[in-house]
Amino acid sequence: MQLDTLDGLAAHAFDGYIVRKDLARRFKGQYPVPTYVGEFLLGRYCASTDEDEIQEGLRIVQLQLANRAVRAGEKGATSLLMPVSARKQLFDLSDDMATKITIQFYSDPREALLKALGD
């Protein structure tokens, strides 16, 4: 990827702090983690303008996400219990997973406990 003059100046001034935004789109929806987790890992391993370093960082990020993410659907989960305040994270839920599970929302921990125990 070729940087224009302004991007080059920013990359030089903030060396080690700039991550290409297109990299975040590669991992969106692939792993059952919030988007910010992938962005954090990209910032940690891919904050460079050197294409070889970026490719190595992408390999590390992919391994980290694949090894640490627990896929509930693969473990036989059929229901997802989540707080109402986290409903915006459902945009990161893959279409395949959304069709396989039932989503139950709760507003307080006691309600969650009752729902988890089967009412």
Protein backbone atom coordinates (compact mmCIF):
# COMPACT_ATOMS: atom_id res chain seq x y z
CA MET A 1 0.00 0.00 0.00
CA GLN A 2 1.40 3.36 -1.05
CA LEU A 3 1.23 6.21 1.49
CA ASP A 4 0.53 9.74 0.31
CA THR A 5 2.53 12.71 1.66
CA LEU A 6 0.27 13.41 4.64
CA ASP A 7 0.10 9.74 5.62
CA GLY A 8 3.88 9.51 5.35
CA LEU A 9 4.35 12.50 7.65
CA ALA A 10 1.89 11.09 10.18
CA ALA A 11 3.54 7.66 10.06
CA HIS A 12 6.95 9.24 10.62
CA ALA A 13 5.73 11.47 13.48
CA PHE A 14 3.78 8.67 15.19
CA ASP A 15 5.98 5.70 14.35
CA GLY A 16 4.60 2.58 16.03
CA TYR A 17 1.17 4.09 16.70
CA ILE A 18 -0.56 4.05 13.31
CA VAL A 19 -2.47 1.02 12.02
CA ARG A 20 -4.12 0.75 8.62
CA LYS A 21 -7.91 0.69 9.02
CA ASP A 22 -8.37 -1.90 6.29
CA LEU A 23 -6.62 -4.46 8.51
CA ALA A 24 -9.41 -4.29 11.10
CA ARG A 25 -11.98 -5.21 8.46
CA ARG A 26 -10.18 -8.48 7.76
CA PHE A 27 -11.03 -9.91 11.17
CA LYS A 28 -14.47 -8.40 11.74
CA GLY A 29 -17.00 -11.17 12.32
CA GLN A 30 -14.51 -14.02 11.90
CA TYR A 31 -13.96 -14.58 15.60
CA PRO A 32 -16.44 -14.34 18.49
CA VAL A 33 -14.70 -11.40 20.12
CA PRO A 34 -15.66 -7.72 20.15
CA THR A 35 -14.19 -5.59 17.38
CA TYR A 36 -12.05 -3.64 19.83
CA VAL A 37 -10.16 -6.82 20.81
CA GLY A 38 -9.06 -7.34 17.21
CA GLU A 39 -8.19 -3.66 16.90
CA PHE A 40 -6.10 -3.82 20.08
CA LEU A 41 -4.14 -6.81 18.77
CA LEU A 42 -3.63 -5.12 15.41
CA GLY A 43 -2.34 -2.03 17.20
CA ARG A 44 0.05 -4.17 19.16
CA TYR A 45 1.43 -6.26 16.29
CA CYS A 46 0.75 -4.31 13.07
CA ALA A 47 1.59 -0.68 13.90
CA SER A 48 4.07 -0.25 11.09
CA THR A 49 4.38 0.93 7.49
CA ASP A 50 6.68 -1.96 6.55
CA GLU A 51 4.61 -4.54 4.65
CA ASP A 52 6.71 -7.48 5.89
CA GLU A 53 6.19 -6.45 9.53
CA ILE A 54 2.47 -6.01 8.92
CA GLN A 55 2.16 -9.49 7.38
CA GLU A 56 4.03 -11.06 10.31
CA GLY A 57 1.80 -9.12 12.71
CA LEU A 58 -1.34 -10.31 10.91
CA ARG A 59 -0.15 -13.90 11.26
CA ILE A 60 0.35 -13.40 15.01
CA VAL A 61 -3.06 -11.71 15.44
CA GLN A 62 -4.78 -14.51 13.56
CA LEU A 63 -3.07 -17.15 15.72
CA GLN A 64 -3.93 -15.26 18.92
CA LEU A 65 -7.60 -14.97 17.98
CA ALA A 66 -7.88 -18.56 16.77
CA ASN A 67 -6.18 -20.06 19.84
CA ARG A 68 -7.91 -17.99 22.50
CA ALA A 69 -11.44 -17.60 21.17
CA VAL A 70 -13.97 -20.14 22.38
CA ARG A 71 -16.63 -20.74 19.80
CA ALA A 72 -19.78 -21.39 21.77
CA GLY A 73 -21.57 -22.87 18.77
CA GLU A 74 -18.86 -25.48 18.33
CA LYS A 75 -19.24 -26.43 21.99
CA GLY A 76 -22.96 -27.09 21.54
CA ALA A 77 -24.38 -23.85 22.96
CA THR A 78 -27.92 -23.06 21.82
CA SER A 79 -28.59 -19.96 23.87
CA LEU A 80 -26.80 -16.68 24.53
CA LEU A 81 -27.45 -14.73 27.71
CA MET A 82 -26.26 -11.15 27.52
CA PRO A 83 -26.94 -7.81 29.20
CA VAL A 84 -29.21 -5.37 27.37
CA SER A 85 -26.38 -2.83 27.42
CA ALA A 86 -24.24 -5.13 25.22
CA ARG A 87 -26.83 -5.60 22.46
CA LYS A 88 -24.83 -3.38 20.08
CA GLN A 89 -22.15 -6.07 19.98
CA LEU A 90 -24.57 -8.29 18.05
CA PHE A 91 -23.46 -6.51 14.88
CA ASP A 92 -20.25 -8.53 15.21
CA LEU A 93 -22.19 -11.81 15.41
CA SER A 94 -21.89 -13.86 12.24
CA ASP A 95 -25.05 -14.72 10.29
CA ASP A 96 -24.38 -18.42 10.74
CA MET A 97 -24.17 -18.09 14.53
CA ALA A 98 -27.24 -15.82 14.70
CA THR A 99 -29.40 -18.50 13.09
CA LYS A 100 -28.21 -21.25 15.44
CA ILE A 101 -28.71 -19.62 18.85
CA THR A 102 -31.45 -18.00 20.90
CA ILE A 103 -30.52 -14.66 22.44
CA GLN A 104 -31.88 -13.77 25.88
CA PHE A 105 -31.29 -10.33 27.34
CA TYR A 106 -31.21 -9.35 31.00
CA SER A 107 -31.13 -6.01 32.77
CA ASP A 108 -29.81 -7.01 36.20
CA PRO A 109 -27.73 -9.91 37.55
CA ARG A 110 -30.62 -11.50 39.46
CA GLU A 111 -32.67 -11.71 36.28
CA ALA A 112 -29.68 -13.30 34.53
CA LEU A 113 -29.36 -15.90 37.25
CA LEU A 114 -33.04 -16.82 36.98
CA LYS A 115 -32.82 -17.11 33.21
CA ALA A 116 -29.63 -19.19 33.43
CA LEU A 117 -31.29 -21.56 35.86
CA GLY A 118 -34.25 -21.97 33.54
CA ASP A 119 -36.76 -19.72 35.34
